[in-house]
Amino acid sequence: MGVFTYESELTSVIPPARLFKAFVLDADNLIPKIAPQAVKSTEILQGDGGVGTIKKINLGEGSEYSYVKHQMDGIDKENFVYKYSMIEGDAISDKIEKVSYETKLVASSDGGSVIKSTSNYHTKGDVDIKEEHVKAGKERAAGLFKIIESHLLANPEAYN
């Protein structure tokens, strides 16, 4: 098994605490409302919402995939860190065992946030991960993030 790591950063004008509440803590409720083309619904299959919880995310009409399953690996609400793994779904090829993600929101000097993301692709055997596949996923995630940011800017009272 190989592990391929990709890192990326995004910036936001939204402070980390507010962004974390919307983007992580309430994502299962918020995203289907404001981006139904991306996520239709989320259901907890196992667990209580904490570490170890497994969720099935039913993707929207705008996605080329139908569902993914995520397992929560860790959450640090004080330092705005969220860790989870994509463990199943048609977005995972037969060459990938799982994809582990860590997202950390850090305060920027202008009062906003820097969103630092690390993705670890755990492959089955010696397989190369195509850069364009990773880039496409990152672009979808960045687009979803911008939808959430726009929602927060349009609703300044939300998630304070």
C-alpha atoms as a PDB file:
ATOM      1  CA  MET A   1       0.000   0.000   0.000  1.00  0.00           C
ATOM      2  CA  GLY A   2       1.243   3.468  -0.869  1.00  0.00           C
ATOM      3  CA  VAL A   3       0.267   6.821   0.556  1.00  0.00           C
ATOM      4  CA  PHE A   4       0.215   9.930  -1.600  1.00  0.00           C
ATOM      5  CA  THR A   5      -0.131  13.272   0.161  1.00  0.00           C
ATOM      6  CA  TYR A   6      -1.491  16.508  -1.279  1.00  0.00           C
ATOM      7  CA  GLU A   7      -1.714  19.821   0.524  1.00  0.00           C
ATOM      8  CA  SER A   8      -3.640  22.952  -0.325  1.00  0.00           C
ATOM      9  CA  GLU A   9      -4.588  26.298   1.173  1.00  0.00           C
ATOM     10  CA  LEU A  10      -7.550  28.587   0.710  1.00  0.00           C
ATOM     11  CA  THR A  11      -8.239  31.949   2.296  1.00  0.00           C
ATOM     12  CA  SER A  12     -11.467  33.443   3.576  1.00  0.00           C
ATOM     13  CA  VAL A  13     -12.616  36.747   5.009  1.00  0.00           C
ATOM     14  CA  ILE A  14     -14.648  34.789   7.600  1.00  0.00           C
ATOM     15  CA  PRO A  15     -12.985  34.305  11.046  1.00  0.00           C
ATOM     16  CA  PRO A  16     -12.041  30.691  11.929  1.00  0.00           C
ATOM     17  CA  ALA A  17     -14.569  30.158  14.759  1.00  0.00           C
ATOM     18  CA  ARG A  18     -17.562  31.170  12.622  1.00  0.00           C
ATOM     19  CA  LEU A  19     -16.332  29.312   9.561  1.00  0.00           C
ATOM     20  CA  PHE A  20     -15.674  26.135  11.593  1.00  0.00           C
ATOM     21  CA  LYS A  21     -19.224  26.184  12.977  1.00  0.00           C
ATOM     22  CA  ALA A  22     -20.721  26.342   9.482  1.00  0.00           C
ATOM     23  CA  PHE A  23     -18.166  24.359   7.452  1.00  0.00           C
ATOM     24  CA  VAL A  24     -17.624  21.536   9.961  1.00  0.00           C
ATOM     25  CA  LEU A  25     -20.033  21.481  12.890  1.00  0.00           C
ATOM     26  CA  ASP A  26     -23.253  22.179  10.951  1.00  0.00           C
ATOM     27  CA  ALA A  27     -22.202  21.029   7.470  1.00  0.00           C
ATOM     28  CA  ASP A  28     -24.679  18.115   7.428  1.00  0.00           C
ATOM     29  CA  ASN A  29     -27.587  20.580   7.774  1.00  0.00           C
ATOM     30  CA  LEU A  30     -26.220  23.621   5.978  1.00  0.00           C
ATOM     31  CA  ILE A  31     -24.750  22.190   2.773  1.00  0.00           C
ATOM     32  CA  PRO A  32     -27.896  20.365   1.543  1.00  0.00           C
ATOM     33  CA  LYS A  33     -29.815  23.650   2.035  1.00  0.00           C
ATOM     34  CA  ILE A  34     -27.413  25.995   0.253  1.00  0.00           C
ATOM     35  CA  ALA A  35     -25.762  23.577  -2.207  1.00  0.00           C
ATOM     36  CA  PRO A  36     -28.260  20.791  -3.004  1.00  0.00           C
ATOM     37  CA  GLN A  37     -26.511  20.268  -6.348  1.00  0.00           C
ATOM     38  CA  ALA A  38     -23.473  19.083  -4.345  1.00  0.00           C
ATOM     39  CA  VAL A  39     -25.051  17.265  -1.369  1.00  0.00           C
ATOM     40  CA  LYS A  40     -28.604  15.961  -1.303  1.00  0.00           C
ATOM     41  CA  SER A  41     -28.573  14.606   2.268  1.00  0.00           C
ATOM     42  CA  THR A  42     -26.438  13.118   5.030  1.00  0.00           C
ATOM     43  CA  GLU A  43     -27.326  10.265   7.365  1.00  0.00           C
ATOM     44  CA  ILE A  44     -25.462   8.844  10.345  1.00  0.00           C
ATOM     45  CA  LEU A  45     -25.038   5.086   9.885  1.00  0.00           C
ATOM     46  CA  GLN A  46     -23.031   4.404  13.030  1.00  0.00           C
ATOM     47  CA  GLY A  47     -22.015   6.431  16.065  1.00  0.00           C
ATOM     48  CA  ASP A  48     -23.207   9.554  17.858  1.00  0.00           C
ATOM     49  CA  GLY A  49     -21.646  12.255  15.700  1.00  0.00           C
ATOM     50  CA  GLY A  50     -18.273  12.103  17.456  1.00  0.00           C
ATOM     51  CA  VAL A  51     -15.014  10.350  16.616  1.00  0.00           C
ATOM     52  CA  GLY A  52     -15.668   7.008  14.927  1.00  0.00           C
ATOM     53  CA  THR A  53     -19.027   8.096  13.497  1.00  0.00           C
ATOM     54  CA  ILE A  54     -19.728   6.866   9.970  1.00  0.00           C
ATOM     55  CA  LYS A  55     -21.913   9.034   7.721  1.00  0.00           C
ATOM     56  CA  LYS A  56     -23.369   8.375   4.303  1.00  0.00           C
ATOM     57  CA  ILE A  57     -23.421  11.497   2.160  1.00  0.00           C
ATOM     58  CA  ASN A  58     -25.845  11.321  -0.746  1.00  0.00           C
ATOM     59  CA  LEU A  59     -24.480  13.568  -3.457  1.00  0.00           C
ATOM     60  CA  GLY A  60     -26.596  15.936  -5.507  1.00  0.00           C
ATOM     61  CA  GLU A  61     -27.551  15.994  -9.163  1.00  0.00           C
ATOM     62  CA  GLY A  62     -24.527  18.173  -9.967  1.00  0.00           C
ATOM     63  CA  SER A  63     -22.111  15.424  -8.939  1.00  0.00           C
ATOM     64  CA  GLU A  64     -20.806  12.668 -11.165  1.00  0.00           C
ATOM     65  CA  TYR A  65     -20.970  10.353  -8.121  1.00  0.00           C
ATOM     66  CA  SER A  66     -23.950   9.150  -6.086  1.00  0.00           C
ATOM     67  CA  TYR A  67     -22.602   8.772  -2.526  1.00  0.00           C
ATOM     68  CA  VAL A  68     -19.588   8.592  -0.231  1.00  0.00           C
ATOM     69  CA  LYS A  69     -19.130   7.337   3.318  1.00  0.00           C
ATOM     70  CA  HIS A  70     -17.046   9.356   5.760  1.00  0.00           C
ATOM     71  CA  GLN A  71     -15.631   8.233   9.074  1.00  0.00           C
ATOM     72  CA  MET A  72     -14.809  10.958  11.589  1.00  0.00           C
ATOM     73  CA  ASP A  73     -11.233  10.466  12.771  1.00  0.00           C
ATOM     74  CA  GLY A  74     -10.852  13.504  15.020  1.00  0.00           C
ATOM     75  CA  ILE A  75     -12.140  16.937  15.895  1.00  0.00           C
ATOM     76  CA  ASP A  76     -10.546  19.749  17.890  1.00  0.00           C
ATOM     77  CA  LYS A  77     -13.102  22.530  18.354  1.00  0.00           C
ATOM     78  CA  GLU A  78     -10.652  24.776  20.217  1.00  0.00           C
ATOM     79  CA  ASN A  79      -8.022  24.744  17.450  1.00  0.00           C
ATOM     80  CA  PHE A  80     -10.472  24.364  14.526  1.00  0.00           C
ATOM     81  CA  VAL A  81      -9.126  21.025  13.264  1.00  0.00           C
ATOM     82  CA  TYR A  82     -11.267  18.338  11.627  1.00  0.00           C
ATOM     83  CA  LYS A  83     -10.052  14.913  10.490  1.00  0.00           C
ATOM     84  CA  TYR A  84     -12.070  12.368   8.551  1.00  0.00           C
ATOM     85  CA  SER A  85     -11.631   9.576   6.025  1.00  0.00           C
ATOM     86  CA  MET A  86     -13.605   8.784   2.887  1.00  0.00           C
ATOM     87  CA  ILE A  87     -13.929   5.021   3.324  1.00  0.00           C
ATOM     88  CA  GLU A  88     -16.480   4.008   0.687  1.00  0.00           C
ATOM     89  CA  GLY A  89     -18.410   5.280  -2.296  1.00  0.00           C
ATOM     90  CA  ASP A  90     -18.336   5.477  -6.037  1.00  0.00           C
ATOM     91  CA  ALA A  91     -15.922   8.419  -5.814  1.00  0.00           C
ATOM     92  CA  ILE A  92     -13.250   5.960  -4.624  1.00  0.00           C
ATOM     93  CA  SER A  93     -11.720   3.887  -7.375  1.00  0.00           C
ATOM     94  CA  ASP A  94     -10.852   0.223  -6.911  1.00  0.00           C
ATOM     95  CA  LYS A  95      -7.222   1.316  -6.567  1.00  0.00           C
ATOM     96  CA  ILE A  96      -7.808   3.401  -3.439  1.00  0.00           C
ATOM     97  CA  GLU A  97      -8.410   1.960   0.025  1.00  0.00           C
ATOM     98  CA  LYS A  98      -9.404   5.307   1.582  1.00  0.00           C
ATOM     99  CA  VAL A  99      -8.637   9.013   1.494  1.00  0.00           C
ATOM    100  CA  SER A 100      -7.863  10.691   4.827  1.00  0.00           C
ATOM    101  CA  TYR A 101      -8.337  14.425   5.208  1.00  0.00           C
ATOM    102  CA  GLU A 102      -7.232  16.970   7.763  1.00  0.00           C
ATOM    103  CA  THR A 103      -8.623  20.486   7.622  1.00  0.00           C
ATOM    104  CA  LYS A 104      -7.275  23.200   9.893  1.00  0.00           C
ATOM    105  CA  LEU A 105      -8.582  26.752  10.066  1.00  0.00           C
ATOM    106  CA  VAL A 106      -6.030  29.341  11.178  1.00  0.00           C
ATOM    107  CA  ALA A 107      -6.630  33.033  11.859  1.00  0.00           C
ATOM    108  CA  SER A 108      -5.150  35.322   9.229  1.00  0.00           C
ATOM    109  CA  SER A 109      -3.720  38.764   9.942  1.00  0.00           C
ATOM    110  CA  ASP A 110      -6.713  40.468   8.278  1.00  0.00           C
ATOM    111  CA  GLY A 111      -9.267  38.849  10.632  1.00  0.00           C
ATOM    112  CA  GLY A 112     -10.224  36.078   8.223  1.00  0.00           C
ATOM    113  CA  SER A 113      -9.000  32.503   7.915  1.00  0.00           C
ATOM    114  CA  VAL A 114      -6.465  30.361   6.155  1.00  0.00           C
ATOM    115  CA  ILE A 115      -7.885  26.922   5.470  1.00  0.00           C
ATOM    116  CA  LYS A 116      -5.090  24.353   5.378  1.00  0.00           C
ATOM    117  CA  SER A 117      -6.032  20.983   3.951  1.00  0.00           C
ATOM    118  CA  THR A 118      -4.018  17.777   3.750  1.00  0.00           C
ATOM    119  CA  SER A 119      -5.273  14.749   1.795  1.00  0.00           C
ATOM    120  CA  ASN A 120      -3.663  11.327   2.129  1.00  0.00           C
ATOM    121  CA  TYR A 121      -4.605   8.843  -0.579  1.00  0.00           C
ATOM    122  CA  HIS A 122      -4.088   5.279   0.709  1.00  0.00           C
ATOM    123  CA  THR A 123      -3.721   3.092  -2.366  1.00  0.00           C
ATOM    124  CA  LYS A 124      -4.053  -0.640  -2.820  1.00  0.00           C
ATOM    125  CA  GLY A 125      -0.667  -1.796  -4.043  1.00  0.00           C
ATOM    126  CA  ASP A 126       1.743   0.376  -5.999  1.00  0.00           C
ATOM    127  CA  VAL A 127      -0.569   2.747  -7.817  1.00  0.00           C
ATOM    128  CA  ASP A 128       0.042   6.277  -9.043  1.00  0.00           C
ATOM    129  CA  ILE A 129      -2.630   8.825  -8.290  1.00  0.00           C
ATOM    130  CA  LYS A 130      -3.264  11.089 -11.259  1.00  0.00           C
ATOM    131  CA  GLU A 131      -2.713  14.758 -10.466  1.00  0.00           C
ATOM    132  CA  GLU A 132      -5.763  15.788 -12.521  1.00  0.00           C
ATOM    133  CA  HIS A 133      -8.012  13.497 -10.430  1.00  0.00           C
ATOM    134  CA  VAL A 134      -6.810  15.166  -7.220  1.00  0.00           C
ATOM    135  CA  LYS A 135      -7.041  18.633  -8.759  1.00  0.00           C
ATOM    136  CA  ALA A 136     -10.650  18.047  -9.847  1.00  0.00           C
ATOM    137  CA  GLY A 137     -11.593  17.007  -6.302  1.00  0.00           C
ATOM    138  CA  LYS A 138      -9.845  20.022  -4.821  1.00  0.00           C
ATOM    139  CA  GLU A 139     -11.660  22.338  -7.247  1.00  0.00           C
ATOM    140  CA  ARG A 140     -15.037  20.845  -6.251  1.00  0.00           C
ATOM    141  CA  ALA A 141     -14.179  21.282  -2.568  1.00  0.00           C
ATOM    142  CA  ALA A 142     -13.033  24.889  -3.135  1.00  0.00           C
ATOM    143  CA  GLY A 143     -16.273  25.639  -4.998  1.00  0.00           C
ATOM    144  CA  LEU A 144     -18.351  24.246  -2.143  1.00  0.00           C
ATOM    145  CA  PHE A 145     -16.308  26.219   0.352  1.00  0.00           C
ATOM    146  CA  LYS A 146     -16.939  29.451  -1.607  1.00  0.00           C
ATOM    147  CA  ILE A 147     -20.699  28.737  -1.523  1.00  0.00           C
ATOM    148  CA  ILE A 148     -20.523  28.446   2.275  1.00  0.00           C
ATOM    149  CA  GLU A 149     -18.438  31.629   2.516  1.00  0.00           C
ATOM    150  CA  SER A 150     -20.963  33.521   0.328  1.00  0.00           C
ATOM    151  CA  HIS A 151     -23.799  32.269   2.529  1.00  0.00           C
ATOM    152  CA  LEU A 152     -22.030  33.519   5.654  1.00  0.00           C
ATOM    153  CA  LEU A 153     -21.340  36.919   4.061  1.00  0.00           C
ATOM    154  CA  ALA A 154     -25.002  37.241   3.035  1.00  0.00           C
ATOM    155  CA  ASN A 155     -26.167  36.173   6.534  1.00  0.00           C
ATOM    156  CA  PRO A 156     -23.891  37.997   8.996  1.00  0.00           C
ATOM    157  CA  GLU A 157     -25.946  36.839  12.009  1.00  0.00           C
ATOM    158  CA  ALA A 158     -25.525  33.140  11.188  1.00  0.00           C
ATOM    159  CA  TYR A 159     -23.053  30.989  13.156  1.00  0.00           C
ATOM    160  CA  ASN A 160     -21.830  33.678  15.557  1.00  0.00           C
END
